[in-house]
Amino acid sequence: MSNTAVYITSSNHGVLGGVADSSSLEEGVTILIHKKGVTSDPANFRPITLQPCWYKIYSKVYATSLFEFLSKNKYIDSHLSKGFLEGG
């Protein structure tokens, strides 16, 4: 297994190690938000999924950790891709 795969796997287990039941991170409630137009037309709605607070915390910690690893090991060239980088 590559160093990247080992890092991602171990960091994932490390974060989830503190969560008794990680299946709760996979649950969400999808609701429809009315955009505009008549409410009888389903095309006038957009879905949004409400996730538990723990999911939001976990995903932010995981994304930050992954980004730091990728940047430190020069897997991301910040001069070429700025669309999803902080401050970009």
N, C-alpha and C. Protein backbone atom coordinates (compact mmCIF):
# COMPACT_ATOMS: atom_id res chain seq x y z
N MET A 1 0.85 -1.17 0.00
CA MET A 1 0.00 0.00 0.00
C MET A 1 0.90 1.24 0.00
N SER A 2 0.52 2.27 -0.73
CA SER A 2 1.33 3.49 -0.81
C SER A 2 1.28 4.26 0.51
N ASN A 3 2.25 5.16 0.70
CA ASN A 3 2.26 6.00 1.91
C ASN A 3 0.99 6.83 2.01
N THR A 4 0.50 7.31 0.88
CA THR A 4 -0.72 8.11 0.88
C THR A 4 -1.90 7.28 1.37
N ALA A 5 -2.05 6.07 0.85
CA ALA A 5 -3.16 5.21 1.26
C ALA A 5 -3.06 4.85 2.74
N VAL A 6 -1.84 4.58 3.21
CA VAL A 6 -1.65 4.26 4.63
C VAL A 6 -2.04 5.45 5.49
N TYR A 7 -1.62 6.66 5.09
CA TYR A 7 -1.94 7.87 5.85
C TYR A 7 -3.46 8.09 5.90
N ILE A 8 -4.11 8.01 4.75
CA ILE A 8 -5.55 8.24 4.70
C ILE A 8 -6.28 7.21 5.56
N THR A 9 -5.91 5.96 5.45
CA THR A 9 -6.55 4.91 6.23
C THR A 9 -6.33 5.11 7.72
N SER A 10 -5.09 5.38 8.13
CA SER A 10 -4.80 5.52 9.55
C SER A 10 -5.44 6.77 10.13
N SER A 11 -5.46 7.87 9.38
CA SER A 11 -6.09 9.08 9.91
C SER A 11 -7.59 8.90 10.02
N ASN A 12 -8.17 8.18 9.08
CA ASN A 12 -9.60 7.91 9.13
C ASN A 12 -9.94 7.07 10.36
N HIS A 13 -9.16 6.04 10.62
CA HIS A 13 -9.40 5.21 11.79
C HIS A 13 -9.15 5.99 13.07
N GLY A 14 -8.15 6.86 13.06
CA GLY A 14 -7.85 7.66 14.24
C GLY A 14 -8.99 8.59 14.62
N VAL A 15 -9.58 9.25 13.63
CA VAL A 15 -10.68 10.16 13.90
C VAL A 15 -11.93 9.37 14.31
N LEU A 16 -12.21 8.30 13.59
CA LEU A 16 -13.40 7.52 13.90
C LEU A 16 -13.26 6.70 15.18
N GLY A 17 -12.02 6.53 15.64
CA GLY A 17 -11.82 5.77 16.87
C GLY A 17 -12.55 6.36 18.05
N GLY A 18 -12.76 7.67 18.05
CA GLY A 18 -13.46 8.32 19.15
C GLY A 18 -14.97 8.32 19.00
N VAL A 19 -15.47 7.82 17.90
CA VAL A 19 -16.92 7.79 17.68
C VAL A 19 -17.41 6.37 17.93
N ALA A 20 -18.32 6.24 18.89
CA ALA A 20 -18.80 4.90 19.26
C ALA A 20 -19.48 4.21 18.09
N ASP A 21 -20.34 4.92 17.40
CA ASP A 21 -21.08 4.32 16.29
C ASP A 21 -20.91 5.20 15.06
N SER A 22 -19.96 4.87 14.20
CA SER A 22 -19.67 5.72 13.04
C SER A 22 -20.80 5.70 12.01
N SER A 23 -21.74 4.77 12.11
CA SER A 23 -22.84 4.75 11.15
C SER A 23 -23.70 6.00 11.28
N SER A 24 -23.67 6.66 12.44
CA SER A 24 -24.44 7.89 12.61
C SER A 24 -23.90 9.01 11.73
N LEU A 25 -22.64 8.90 11.30
CA LEU A 25 -22.06 9.90 10.41
C LEU A 25 -22.61 9.78 9.00
N GLU A 26 -23.18 8.64 8.68
CA GLU A 26 -23.67 8.38 7.33
C GLU A 26 -25.14 8.74 7.15
N GLU A 27 -25.79 9.17 8.22
CA GLU A 27 -27.22 9.45 8.16
C GLU A 27 -27.46 10.93 7.92
N GLY A 28 -28.50 11.23 7.19
CA GLY A 28 -28.89 12.60 6.94
C GLY A 28 -30.35 12.65 6.54
N VAL A 29 -30.91 13.83 6.60
CA VAL A 29 -32.30 14.03 6.21
C VAL A 29 -32.30 14.98 5.01
N THR A 30 -32.89 14.54 3.92
CA THR A 30 -32.96 15.37 2.72
C THR A 30 -34.32 16.06 2.67
N ILE A 31 -34.26 17.37 2.51
CA ILE A 31 -35.49 18.15 2.37
C ILE A 31 -35.42 18.91 1.05
N LEU A 32 -36.56 19.36 0.58
CA LEU A 32 -36.61 20.14 -0.66
C LEU A 32 -36.82 21.61 -0.34
N ILE A 33 -36.02 22.46 -0.95
CA ILE A 33 -36.12 23.91 -0.79
C ILE A 33 -36.70 24.49 -2.08
N HIS A 34 -37.75 25.28 -1.93
CA HIS A 34 -38.38 25.90 -3.10
C HIS A 34 -37.47 26.99 -3.64
N LYS A 35 -37.17 26.94 -4.95
CA LYS A 35 -36.33 27.94 -5.59
C LYS A 35 -37.18 29.12 -6.06
N LYS A 36 -38.04 28.85 -7.02
CA LYS A 36 -38.91 29.89 -7.58
C LYS A 36 -39.96 29.21 -8.44
N GLY A 37 -40.95 29.95 -8.84
CA GLY A 37 -42.00 29.40 -9.69
C GLY A 37 -43.08 28.70 -8.89
N VAL A 38 -43.90 27.94 -9.60
CA VAL A 38 -45.04 27.27 -8.95
C VAL A 38 -44.55 26.09 -8.10
N THR A 39 -45.19 25.91 -6.97
CA THR A 39 -44.77 24.84 -6.07
C THR A 39 -45.26 23.47 -6.52
N SER A 40 -46.11 23.42 -7.52
CA SER A 40 -46.58 22.12 -8.01
C SER A 40 -45.60 21.46 -8.97
N ASP A 41 -44.57 22.20 -9.40
CA ASP A 41 -43.58 21.66 -10.31
C ASP A 41 -42.33 21.23 -9.53
N PRO A 42 -42.01 19.93 -9.50
CA PRO A 42 -40.85 19.45 -8.75
C PRO A 42 -39.52 20.07 -9.21
N ALA A 43 -39.44 20.52 -10.46
CA ALA A 43 -38.22 21.13 -10.97
C ALA A 43 -37.90 22.46 -10.28
N ASN A 44 -38.88 23.04 -9.58
CA ASN A 44 -38.68 24.31 -8.90
C ASN A 44 -38.15 24.14 -7.48
N PHE A 45 -37.70 22.94 -7.15
CA PHE A 45 -37.16 22.68 -5.82
C PHE A 45 -35.73 22.16 -5.96
N ARG A 46 -34.93 22.40 -4.94
CA ARG A 46 -33.59 21.82 -4.90
C ARG A 46 -33.45 21.04 -3.60
N PRO A 47 -32.83 19.88 -3.67
CA PRO A 47 -32.65 19.09 -2.45
C PRO A 47 -31.46 19.59 -1.63
N ILE A 48 -31.58 19.48 -0.33
CA ILE A 48 -30.47 19.76 0.56
C ILE A 48 -30.51 18.70 1.65
N THR A 49 -29.34 18.16 1.97
CA THR A 49 -29.27 17.12 2.99
C THR A 49 -28.70 17.71 4.27
N LEU A 50 -29.45 17.54 5.35
CA LEU A 50 -29.02 18.00 6.66
C LEU A 50 -28.27 16.88 7.34
N GLN A 51 -27.01 17.14 7.68
CA GLN A 51 -26.15 16.14 8.31
C GLN A 51 -26.03 16.43 9.80
N PRO A 52 -25.72 15.41 10.60
CA PRO A 52 -25.49 15.63 12.04
C PRO A 52 -24.28 16.53 12.25
N CYS A 53 -24.25 17.25 13.37
CA CYS A 53 -23.11 18.13 13.69
C CYS A 53 -21.81 17.35 13.73
N TRP A 54 -21.83 16.10 14.24
CA TRP A 54 -20.61 15.30 14.30
C TRP A 54 -20.05 15.04 12.91
N TYR A 55 -20.91 14.89 11.94
CA TYR A 55 -20.44 14.67 10.57
C TYR A 55 -19.70 15.90 10.06
N LYS A 56 -20.25 17.07 10.34
CA LYS A 56 -19.63 18.30 9.88
C LYS A 56 -18.26 18.50 10.53
N ILE A 57 -18.17 18.21 11.82
CA ILE A 57 -16.90 18.33 12.53
C ILE A 57 -15.89 17.34 11.96
N TYR A 58 -16.33 16.09 11.83
CA TYR A 58 -15.45 15.04 11.31
C TYR A 58 -14.96 15.38 9.91
N SER A 59 -15.84 15.80 9.03
CA SER A 59 -15.44 16.06 7.65
C SER A 59 -14.47 17.24 7.57
N LYS A 60 -14.63 18.25 8.42
CA LYS A 60 -13.71 19.39 8.41
C LYS A 60 -12.33 18.97 8.93
N VAL A 61 -12.30 18.20 10.02
CA VAL A 61 -11.03 17.73 10.57
C VAL A 61 -10.32 16.85 9.55
N TYR A 62 -11.08 15.95 8.93
CA TYR A 62 -10.50 15.02 7.96
C TYR A 62 -9.99 15.76 6.72
N ALA A 63 -10.77 16.70 6.21
CA ALA A 63 -10.35 17.45 5.02
C ALA A 63 -9.10 18.29 5.31
N THR A 64 -9.05 18.91 6.48
CA THR A 64 -7.88 19.70 6.86
C THR A 64 -6.65 18.83 6.97
N SER A 65 -6.79 17.69 7.63
CA SER A 65 -5.68 16.76 7.80
C SER A 65 -5.18 16.24 6.45
N LEU A 66 -6.11 15.87 5.59
CA LEU A 66 -5.75 15.36 4.28
C LEU A 66 -5.06 16.43 3.44
N PHE A 67 -5.58 17.65 3.47
CA PHE A 67 -4.97 18.75 2.71
C PHE A 67 -3.55 19.02 3.20
N GLU A 68 -3.36 19.03 4.53
CA GLU A 68 -2.02 19.26 5.07
C GLU A 68 -1.05 18.18 4.61
N PHE A 69 -1.50 16.93 4.63
CA PHE A 69 -0.65 15.83 4.19
C PHE A 69 -0.29 15.97 2.71
N LEU A 70 -1.29 16.23 1.89
CA LEU A 70 -1.06 16.34 0.44
C LEU A 70 -0.15 17.53 0.11
N SER A 71 -0.34 18.64 0.82
CA SER A 71 0.51 19.82 0.58
C SER A 71 1.94 19.56 1.03
N LYS A 72 2.10 19.00 2.23
CA LYS A 72 3.43 18.75 2.78
C LYS A 72 4.24 17.80 1.90
N ASN A 73 3.56 16.83 1.29
CA ASN A 73 4.23 15.84 0.45
C ASN A 73 4.21 16.20 -1.04
N LYS A 74 3.82 17.44 -1.31
CA LYS A 74 3.85 18.01 -2.67
C LYS A 74 3.00 17.23 -3.68
N TYR A 75 1.82 16.75 -3.21
CA TYR A 75 0.88 16.12 -4.13
C TYR A 75 -0.05 17.17 -4.75
N ILE A 76 -0.06 18.36 -4.16
CA ILE A 76 -0.89 19.45 -4.67
C ILE A 76 0.03 20.59 -5.08
N ASP A 77 -0.11 21.05 -6.30
CA ASP A 77 0.65 22.20 -6.77
C ASP A 77 -0.26 23.41 -6.65
N SER A 78 -0.07 24.19 -5.60
CA SER A 78 -0.95 25.32 -5.33
C SER A 78 -0.86 26.42 -6.39
N HIS A 79 0.17 26.36 -7.25
CA HIS A 79 0.28 27.34 -8.33
C HIS A 79 -0.65 26.99 -9.51
N LEU A 80 -1.02 25.73 -9.62
CA LEU A 80 -1.87 25.30 -10.74
C LEU A 80 -3.34 25.24 -10.38
N SER A 81 -3.65 24.84 -9.14
CA SER A 81 -5.04 24.65 -8.76
C SER A 81 -5.36 25.46 -7.52
N LYS A 82 -6.22 26.44 -7.65
CA LYS A 82 -6.57 27.29 -6.51
C LYS A 82 -8.06 27.26 -6.22
N GLY A 83 -8.84 26.58 -7.01
CA GLY A 83 -10.29 26.63 -6.88
C GLY A 83 -10.83 26.15 -5.54
N PHE A 84 -10.21 25.13 -4.96
CA PHE A 84 -10.73 24.58 -3.71
C PHE A 84 -9.75 24.76 -2.55
N LEU A 85 -8.74 25.61 -2.73
CA LEU A 85 -7.76 25.83 -1.68
C LEU A 85 -8.18 27.03 -0.84
N GLU A 86 -7.90 26.98 0.46
CA GLU A 86 -8.23 28.09 1.33
C GLU A 86 -7.46 29.31 0.89
N GLY A 87 -8.15 30.45 0.82
CA GLY A 87 -7.51 31.68 0.41
C GLY A 87 -7.30 31.80 -1.10
N GLY A 88 -7.82 30.79 -1.86
CA GLY A 88 -7.57 30.77 -3.29
C GLY A 88 -8.58 31.42 -4.12
